[in-house]
Amino acid sequence: DEYNHRRPHTSLGRATPAIAYRRLPKT
């Protein structure tokens, strides 16, 4: 829960994984 929603990720432009997973359509 912490990792997906409240931990910024360097390779994602400091976005969280949850934001990056939902901002584009899924393959």
PDB file of all heavy atoms in Angstrom:
ATOM      1  N   ASP A   1       0.831  -1.201   0.000  1.00  0.00           N
ATOM      2  CA  ASP A   1       0.000   0.000   0.000  1.00  0.00           C
ATOM      3  C   ASP A   1       0.870   1.257   0.000  1.00  0.00           C
ATOM      4  O   ASP A   1       0.597   2.214  -0.739  1.00  0.00           O
ATOM      5  CB  ASP A   1      -0.921  -0.017   1.220  1.00  0.00           C
ATOM      6  CG  ASP A   1      -1.855   1.179   1.257  1.00  0.00           C
ATOM      7  OD1 ASP A   1      -2.684   1.316   0.344  1.00  0.00           O
ATOM      8  OD2 ASP A   1      -1.734   1.985   2.195  1.00  0.00           O
ATOM      9  N   GLU A   2       1.914   1.252   0.818  1.00  0.00           N
ATOM     10  CA  GLU A   2       2.841   2.390   0.861  1.00  0.00           C
ATOM     11  C   GLU A   2       3.588   2.530  -0.467  1.00  0.00           C
ATOM     12  O   GLU A   2       3.711   3.631  -1.017  1.00  0.00           O
ATOM     13  CB  GLU A   2       3.847   2.186   2.003  1.00  0.00           C
ATOM     14  CG  GLU A   2       4.912   3.257   2.117  1.00  0.00           C
ATOM     15  CD  GLU A   2       4.413   4.530   2.763  1.00  0.00           C
ATOM     16  OE1 GLU A   2       3.413   4.472   3.509  1.00  0.00           O
ATOM     17  OE2 GLU A   2       5.026   5.586   2.527  1.00  0.00           O
ATOM     18  N   TYR A   3       4.075   1.417  -0.983  1.00  0.00           N
ATOM     19  CA  TYR A   3       4.879   1.413  -2.218  1.00  0.00           C
ATOM     20  C   TYR A   3       4.051   1.888  -3.416  1.00  0.00           C
ATOM     21  O   TYR A   3       4.511   2.699  -4.217  1.00  0.00           O
ATOM     22  CB  TYR A   3       5.404  -0.004  -2.460  1.00  0.00           C
ATOM     23  CG  TYR A   3       6.139  -0.182  -3.762  1.00  0.00           C
ATOM     24  CD1 TYR A   3       7.512   0.041  -3.840  1.00  0.00           C
ATOM     25  CD2 TYR A   3       5.459  -0.577  -4.909  1.00  0.00           C
ATOM     26  CE1 TYR A   3       8.201  -0.126  -5.036  1.00  0.00           C
ATOM     27  CE2 TYR A   3       6.139  -0.745  -6.110  1.00  0.00           C
ATOM     28  CZ  TYR A   3       7.500  -0.518  -6.171  1.00  0.00           C
ATOM     29  OH  TYR A   3       8.172  -0.676  -7.369  1.00  0.00           O
ATOM     30  N   ASN A   4       2.843   1.394  -3.550  1.00  0.00           N
ATOM     31  CA  ASN A   4       2.021   1.716  -4.721  1.00  0.00           C
ATOM     32  C   ASN A   4       1.455   3.130  -4.695  1.00  0.00           C
ATOM     33  O   ASN A   4       1.348   3.779  -5.741  1.00  0.00           O
ATOM     34  CB  ASN A   4       0.858   0.731  -4.853  1.00  0.00           C
ATOM     35  CG  ASN A   4       1.276  -0.582  -5.482  1.00  0.00           C
ATOM     36  OD1 ASN A   4       2.301  -0.670  -6.153  1.00  0.00           O
ATOM     37  ND2 ASN A   4       0.489  -1.617  -5.257  1.00  0.00           N
ATOM     38  N   HIS A   5       1.097   3.624  -3.495  1.00  0.00           N
ATOM     39  CA  HIS A   5       0.301   4.853  -3.427  1.00  0.00           C
ATOM     40  C   HIS A   5       1.006   6.049  -2.795  1.00  0.00           C
ATOM     41  O   HIS A   5       0.585   7.183  -3.024  1.00  0.00           O
ATOM     42  CB  HIS A   5      -0.985   4.578  -2.643  1.00  0.00           C
ATOM     43  CG  HIS A   5      -1.833   3.509  -3.252  1.00  0.00           C
ATOM     44  ND1 HIS A   5      -2.610   3.720  -4.358  1.00  0.00           N
ATOM     45  CD2 HIS A   5      -2.005   2.195  -2.911  1.00  0.00           C
ATOM     46  CE1 HIS A   5      -3.251   2.600  -4.693  1.00  0.00           C
ATOM     47  NE2 HIS A   5      -2.892   1.661  -3.827  1.00  0.00           N
ATOM     48  N   ARG A   6       2.079   5.842  -2.039  1.00  0.00           N
ATOM     49  CA  ARG A   6       2.697   6.972  -1.345  1.00  0.00           C
ATOM     50  C   ARG A   6       4.199   7.026  -1.473  1.00  0.00           C
ATOM     51  O   ARG A   6       4.845   7.836  -0.811  1.00  0.00           O
ATOM     52  CB  ARG A   6       2.307   6.936   0.154  1.00  0.00           C
ATOM     53  CG  ARG A   6       0.851   7.290   0.408  1.00  0.00           C
ATOM     54  CD  ARG A   6       0.495   7.212   1.879  1.00  0.00           C
ATOM     55  NE  ARG A   6       0.570   5.851   2.385  1.00  0.00           N
ATOM     56  CZ  ARG A   6      -0.382   4.949   2.214  1.00  0.00           C
ATOM     57  NH1 ARG A   6      -1.479   5.248   1.532  1.00  0.00           N
ATOM     58  NH2 ARG A   6      -0.253   3.722   2.698  1.00  0.00           N
ATOM     59  N   ARG A   7       4.767   6.211  -2.316  1.00  0.00           N
ATOM     60  CA  ARG A   7       6.225   6.210  -2.485  1.00  0.00           C
ATOM     61  C   ARG A   7       6.578   6.686  -3.895  1.00  0.00           C
ATOM     62  O   ARG A   7       6.313   5.998  -4.865  1.00  0.00           O
ATOM     63  CB  ARG A   7       6.768   4.792  -2.268  1.00  0.00           C
ATOM     64  CG  ARG A   7       8.277   4.665  -2.466  1.00  0.00           C
ATOM     65  CD  ARG A   7       8.679   3.202  -2.329  1.00  0.00           C
ATOM     66  NE  ARG A   7      10.092   2.999  -2.557  1.00  0.00           N
ATOM     67  CZ  ARG A   7      10.638   2.798  -3.749  1.00  0.00           C
ATOM     68  NH1 ARG A   7       9.871   2.803  -4.830  1.00  0.00           N
ATOM     69  NH2 ARG A   7      11.937   2.608  -3.877  1.00  0.00           N
ATOM     70  N   PRO A   8       7.177   7.876  -4.033  1.00  0.00           N
ATOM     71  CA  PRO A   8       7.524   8.371  -5.372  1.00  0.00           C
ATOM     72  C   PRO A   8       8.640   7.527  -5.987  1.00  0.00           C
ATOM     73  O   PRO A   8       9.512   7.028  -5.274  1.00  0.00           O
ATOM     74  CB  PRO A   8       7.995   9.805  -5.106  1.00  0.00           C
ATOM     75  CG  PRO A   8       8.517   9.763  -3.701  1.00  0.00           C
ATOM     76  CD  PRO A   8       7.627   8.793  -2.962  1.00  0.00           C
ATOM     77  N   HIS A   9       8.602   7.354  -7.291  1.00  0.00           N
ATOM     78  CA  HIS A   9       9.567   6.502  -7.979  1.00  0.00           C
ATOM     79  C   HIS A   9      10.392   7.351  -8.948  1.00  0.00           C
ATOM     80  O   HIS A   9       9.839   8.061  -9.789  1.00  0.00           O
ATOM     81  CB  HIS A   9       8.842   5.392  -8.744  1.00  0.00           C
ATOM     82  CG  HIS A   9       9.682   4.175  -8.963  1.00  0.00           C
ATOM     83  ND1 HIS A   9      10.784   4.176  -9.791  1.00  0.00           N
ATOM     84  CD2 HIS A   9       9.599   2.916  -8.458  1.00  0.00           C
ATOM     85  CE1 HIS A   9      11.333   2.968  -9.800  1.00  0.00           C
ATOM     86  NE2 HIS A   9      10.637   2.193  -9.000  1.00  0.00           N
ATOM     87  N   THR A  10      11.722   7.267  -8.833  1.00  0.00           N
ATOM     88  CA  THR A  10      12.603   8.094  -9.650  1.00  0.00           C
ATOM     89  C   THR A  10      12.372   7.877 -11.139  1.00  0.00           C
ATOM     90  O   THR A  10      12.288   8.821 -11.920  1.00  0.00           O
ATOM     91  CB  THR A  10      14.073   7.800  -9.303  1.00  0.00           C
ATOM     92  OG1 THR A  10      14.303   8.049  -7.918  1.00  0.00           O
ATOM     93  CG2 THR A  10      15.008   8.680 -10.127  1.00  0.00           C
ATOM     94  N   SER A  11      12.270   6.626 -11.557  1.00  0.00           N
ATOM     95  CA  SER A  11      12.134   6.320 -12.978  1.00  0.00           C
ATOM     96  C   SER A  11      10.764   6.692 -13.528  1.00  0.00           C
ATOM     97  O   SER A  11      10.550   6.648 -14.739  1.00  0.00           O
ATOM     98  CB  SER A  11      12.394   4.828 -13.219  1.00  0.00           C
ATOM     99  OG  SER A  11      11.437   4.035 -12.557  1.00  0.00           O
ATOM    100  N   LEU A  12       9.836   7.076 -12.660  1.00  0.00           N
ATOM    101  CA  LEU A  12       8.495   7.473 -13.091  1.00  0.00           C
ATOM    102  C   LEU A  12       8.294   8.981 -12.988  1.00  0.00           C
ATOM    103  O   LEU A  12       7.170   9.462 -12.964  1.00  0.00           O
ATOM    104  CB  LEU A  12       7.436   6.753 -12.236  1.00  0.00           C
ATOM    105  CG  LEU A  12       7.465   5.232 -12.252  1.00  0.00           C
ATOM    106  CD1 LEU A  12       6.432   4.665 -11.282  1.00  0.00           C
ATOM    107  CD2 LEU A  12       7.219   4.691 -13.661  1.00  0.00           C
ATOM    108  N   GLY A  13       9.405   9.726 -12.920  1.00  0.00           N
ATOM    109  CA  GLY A  13       9.285  11.178 -12.783  1.00  0.00           C
ATOM    110  C   GLY A  13       8.719  11.586 -11.447  1.00  0.00           C
ATOM    111  O   GLY A  13       8.002  12.575 -11.343  1.00  0.00           O
ATOM    112  N   ARG A  14       9.030  10.816 -10.393  1.00  0.00           N
ATOM    113  CA  ARG A  14       8.569  11.039  -9.024  1.00  0.00           C
ATOM    114  C   ARG A  14       7.072  10.800  -8.863  1.00  0.00           C
ATOM    115  O   ARG A  14       6.485  11.198  -7.852  1.00  0.00           O
ATOM    116  CB  ARG A  14       8.911  12.451  -8.517  1.00  0.00           C
ATOM    117  CG  ARG A  14      10.348  12.856  -8.715  1.00  0.00           C
ATOM    118  CD  ARG A  14      11.336  11.839  -8.227  1.00  0.00           C
ATOM    119  NE  ARG A  14      11.233  11.576  -6.795  1.00  0.00           N
ATOM    120  CZ  ARG A  14      11.926  10.632  -6.150  1.00  0.00           C
ATOM    121  NH1 ARG A  14      12.744   9.836  -6.816  1.00  0.00           N
ATOM    122  NH2 ARG A  14      11.795  10.469  -4.868  1.00  0.00           N
ATOM    123  N   ALA A  15       6.449  10.146  -9.836  1.00  0.00           N
ATOM    124  CA  ALA A  15       5.056   9.719  -9.656  1.00  0.00           C
ATOM    125  C   ALA A  15       5.043   8.415  -8.867  1.00  0.00           C
ATOM    126  O   ALA A  15       6.061   7.725  -8.751  1.00  0.00           O
ATOM    127  CB  ALA A  15       4.375   9.523 -11.014  1.00  0.00           C
ATOM    128  N   THR A  16       3.892   8.058  -8.321  1.00  0.00           N
ATOM    129  CA  THR A  16       3.762   6.774  -7.643  1.00  0.00           C
ATOM    130  C   THR A  16       3.394   5.703  -8.663  1.00  0.00           C
ATOM    131  O   THR A  16       2.828   6.008  -9.729  1.00  0.00           O
ATOM    132  CB  THR A  16       2.677   6.836  -6.556  1.00  0.00           C
ATOM    133  OG1 THR A  16       1.413   7.125  -7.181  1.00  0.00           O
ATOM    134  CG2 THR A  16       2.996   7.906  -5.523  1.00  0.00           C
ATOM    135  N   PRO A  17       3.699   4.427  -8.396  1.00  0.00           N
ATOM    136  CA  PRO A  17       3.314   3.361  -9.323  1.00  0.00           C
ATOM    137  C   PRO A  17       1.825   3.325  -9.624  1.00  0.00           C
ATOM    138  O   PRO A  17       1.421   3.041 -10.757  1.00  0.00           O
ATOM    139  CB  PRO A  17       3.778   2.098  -8.593  1.00  0.00           C
ATOM    140  CG  PRO A  17       4.946   2.539  -7.782  1.00  0.00           C
ATOM    141  CD  PRO A  17       4.569   3.924  -7.317  1.00  0.00           C
ATOM    142  N   ALA A  18       0.971   3.621  -8.628  1.00  0.00           N
ATOM    143  CA  ALA A  18      -0.473   3.593  -8.850  1.00  0.00           C
ATOM    144  C   ALA A  18      -0.894   4.623  -9.889  1.00  0.00           C
ATOM    145  O   ALA A  18      -1.727   4.346 -10.756  1.00  0.00           O
ATOM    146  CB  ALA A  18      -1.216   3.833  -7.529  1.00  0.00           C
ATOM    147  N   ILE A  19      -0.308   5.813  -9.826  1.00  0.00           N
ATOM    148  CA  ILE A  19      -0.626   6.851 -10.810  1.00  0.00           C
ATOM    149  C   ILE A  19      -0.149   6.427 -12.194  1.00  0.00           C
ATOM    150  O   ILE A  19      -0.873   6.556 -13.187  1.00  0.00           O
ATOM    151  CB  ILE A  19       0.016   8.191 -10.388  1.00  0.00           C
ATOM    152  CG1 ILE A  19      -0.684   8.734  -9.137  1.00  0.00           C
ATOM    153  CG2 ILE A  19      -0.055   9.198 -11.524  1.00  0.00           C
ATOM    154  CD1 ILE A  19      -0.049   9.993  -8.586  1.00  0.00           C
ATOM    155  N   ALA A  20       1.075   5.910 -12.268  1.00  0.00           N
ATOM    156  CA  ALA A  20       1.631   5.497 -13.560  1.00  0.00           C
ATOM    157  C   ALA A  20       0.858   4.341 -14.166  1.00  0.00           C
ATOM    158  O   ALA A  20       0.725   4.244 -15.388  1.00  0.00           O
ATOM    159  CB  ALA A  20       3.103   5.115 -13.387  1.00  0.00           C
ATOM    160  N   TYR A  21       0.316   3.460 -13.322  1.00  0.00           N
ATOM    161  CA  TYR A  21      -0.414   2.293 -13.829  1.00  0.00           C
ATOM    162  C   TYR A  21      -1.773   2.681 -14.404  1.00  0.00           C
ATOM    163  O   TYR A  21      -2.290   1.996 -15.297  1.00  0.00           O
ATOM    164  CB  TYR A  21      -0.592   1.279 -12.695  1.00  0.00           C
ATOM    165  CG  TYR A  21      -1.185  -0.049 -13.123  1.00  0.00           C
ATOM    166  CD1 TYR A  21      -0.534  -0.862 -14.046  1.00  0.00           C
ATOM    167  CD2 TYR A  21      -2.399  -0.489 -12.605  1.00  0.00           C
ATOM    168  CE1 TYR A  21      -1.072  -2.082 -14.440  1.00  0.00           C
ATOM    169  CE2 TYR A  21      -2.948  -1.708 -12.983  1.00  0.00           C
ATOM    170  CZ  TYR A  21      -2.268  -2.500 -13.904  1.00  0.00           C
ATOM    171  OH  TYR A  21      -2.818  -3.706 -14.302  1.00  0.00           O
ATOM    172  N   ARG A  22      -2.333   3.786 -13.941  1.00  0.00           N
ATOM    173  CA  ARG A  22      -3.698   4.139 -14.337  1.00  0.00           C
ATOM    174  C   ARG A  22      -3.793   5.305 -15.319  1.00  0.00           C
ATOM    175  O   ARG A  22      -4.882   5.614 -15.803  1.00  0.00           O
ATOM    176  CB  ARG A  22      -4.519   4.464 -13.087  1.00  0.00           C
ATOM    177  CG  ARG A  22      -4.699   3.264 -12.156  1.00  0.00           C
ATOM    178  CD  ARG A  22      -5.662   3.569 -11.017  1.00  0.00           C
ATOM    179  NE  ARG A  22      -5.920   2.382 -10.216  1.00  0.00           N
ATOM    180  CZ  ARG A  22      -5.255   2.062  -9.117  1.00  0.00           C
ATOM    181  NH1 ARG A  22      -4.290   2.854  -8.689  1.00  0.00           N
ATOM    182  NH2 ARG A  22      -5.537   0.966  -8.438  1.00  0.00           N
ATOM    183  N   ARG A  23      -2.671   5.960 -15.621  1.00  0.00           N
ATOM    184  CA  ARG A  23      -2.778   7.162 -16.455  1.00  0.00           C
ATOM    185  C   ARG A  23      -2.772   6.871 -17.958  1.00  0.00           C
ATOM    186  O   ARG A  23      -3.033   7.776 -18.753  1.00  0.00           O
ATOM    187  CB  ARG A  23      -1.653   8.141 -16.111  1.00  0.00           C
ATOM    188  CG  ARG A  23      -0.243   7.666 -16.411  1.00  0.00           C
ATOM    189  CD  ARG A  23       0.772   8.657 -15.878  1.00  0.00           C
ATOM    190  NE  ARG A  23       2.129   8.134 -15.937  1.00  0.00           N
ATOM    191  CZ  ARG A  23       3.173   8.728 -15.364  1.00  0.00           C
ATOM    192  NH1 ARG A  23       2.996   9.861 -14.701  1.00  0.00           N
ATOM    193  NH2 ARG A  23       4.380   8.198 -15.443  1.00  0.00           N
ATOM    194  N   LEU A  24      -2.475   5.629 -18.356  1.00  0.00           N
ATOM    195  CA  LEU A  24      -2.489   5.260 -19.766  1.00  0.00           C
ATOM    196  C   LEU A  24      -3.360   4.019 -19.953  1.00  0.00           C
ATOM    197  O   LEU A  24      -3.533   3.230 -19.022  1.00  0.00           O
ATOM    198  CB  LEU A  24      -1.062   4.976 -20.263  1.00  0.00           C
ATOM    199  CG  LEU A  24      -0.102   6.174 -20.338  1.00  0.00           C
ATOM    200  CD1 LEU A  24       1.300   5.706 -20.700  1.00  0.00           C
ATOM    201  CD2 LEU A  24      -0.603   7.219 -21.324  1.00  0.00           C
ATOM    202  N   PRO A  25      -3.903   3.812 -21.158  1.00  0.00           N
ATOM    203  CA  PRO A  25      -4.707   2.602 -21.399  1.00  0.00           C
ATOM    204  C   PRO A  25      -3.856   1.341 -21.276  1.00  0.00           C
ATOM    205  O   PRO A  25      -2.676   1.331 -21.626  1.00  0.00           O
ATOM    206  CB  PRO A  25      -5.223   2.795 -22.830  1.00  0.00           C
ATOM    207  CG  PRO A  25      -4.286   3.779 -23.449  1.00  0.00           C
ATOM    208  CD  PRO A  25      -3.840   4.681 -22.344  1.00  0.00           C
ATOM    209  N   LYS A  26      -4.485   0.277 -20.798  1.00  0.00           N
ATOM    210  CA  LYS A  26      -3.768  -0.981 -20.594  1.00  0.00           C
ATOM    211  C   LYS A  26      -3.726  -1.805 -21.885  1.00  0.00           C
ATOM    212  O   LYS A  26      -4.670  -1.808 -22.669  1.00  0.00           O
ATOM    213  CB  LYS A  26      -4.447  -1.806 -19.500  1.00  0.00           C
ATOM    214  CG  LYS A  26      -4.401  -1.158 -18.121  1.00  0.00           C
ATOM    215  CD  LYS A  26      -5.132  -2.018 -17.096  1.00  0.00           C
ATOM    216  CE  LYS A  26      -5.097  -1.380 -15.713  1.00  0.00           C
ATOM    217  NZ  LYS A  26      -5.830  -2.187 -14.718  1.00  0.00           N
ATOM    218  N   THR A  27      -2.609  -2.511 -22.061  1.00  0.00           N
ATOM    219  CA  THR A  27      -2.471  -3.433 -23.178  1.00  0.00           C
ATOM    220  C   THR A  27      -3.194  -4.737 -22.838  1.00  0.00           C
ATOM    221  O   THR A  27      -3.363  -5.085 -21.668  1.00  0.00           O
ATOM    222  CB  THR A  27      -0.982  -3.725 -23.450  1.00  0.00           C
ATOM    223  OG1 THR A  27      -0.275  -2.488 -23.506  1.00  0.00           O
ATOM    224  CG2 THR A  27      -0.799  -4.457 -24.757  1.00  0.00           C
TER     225      THR A  27
END
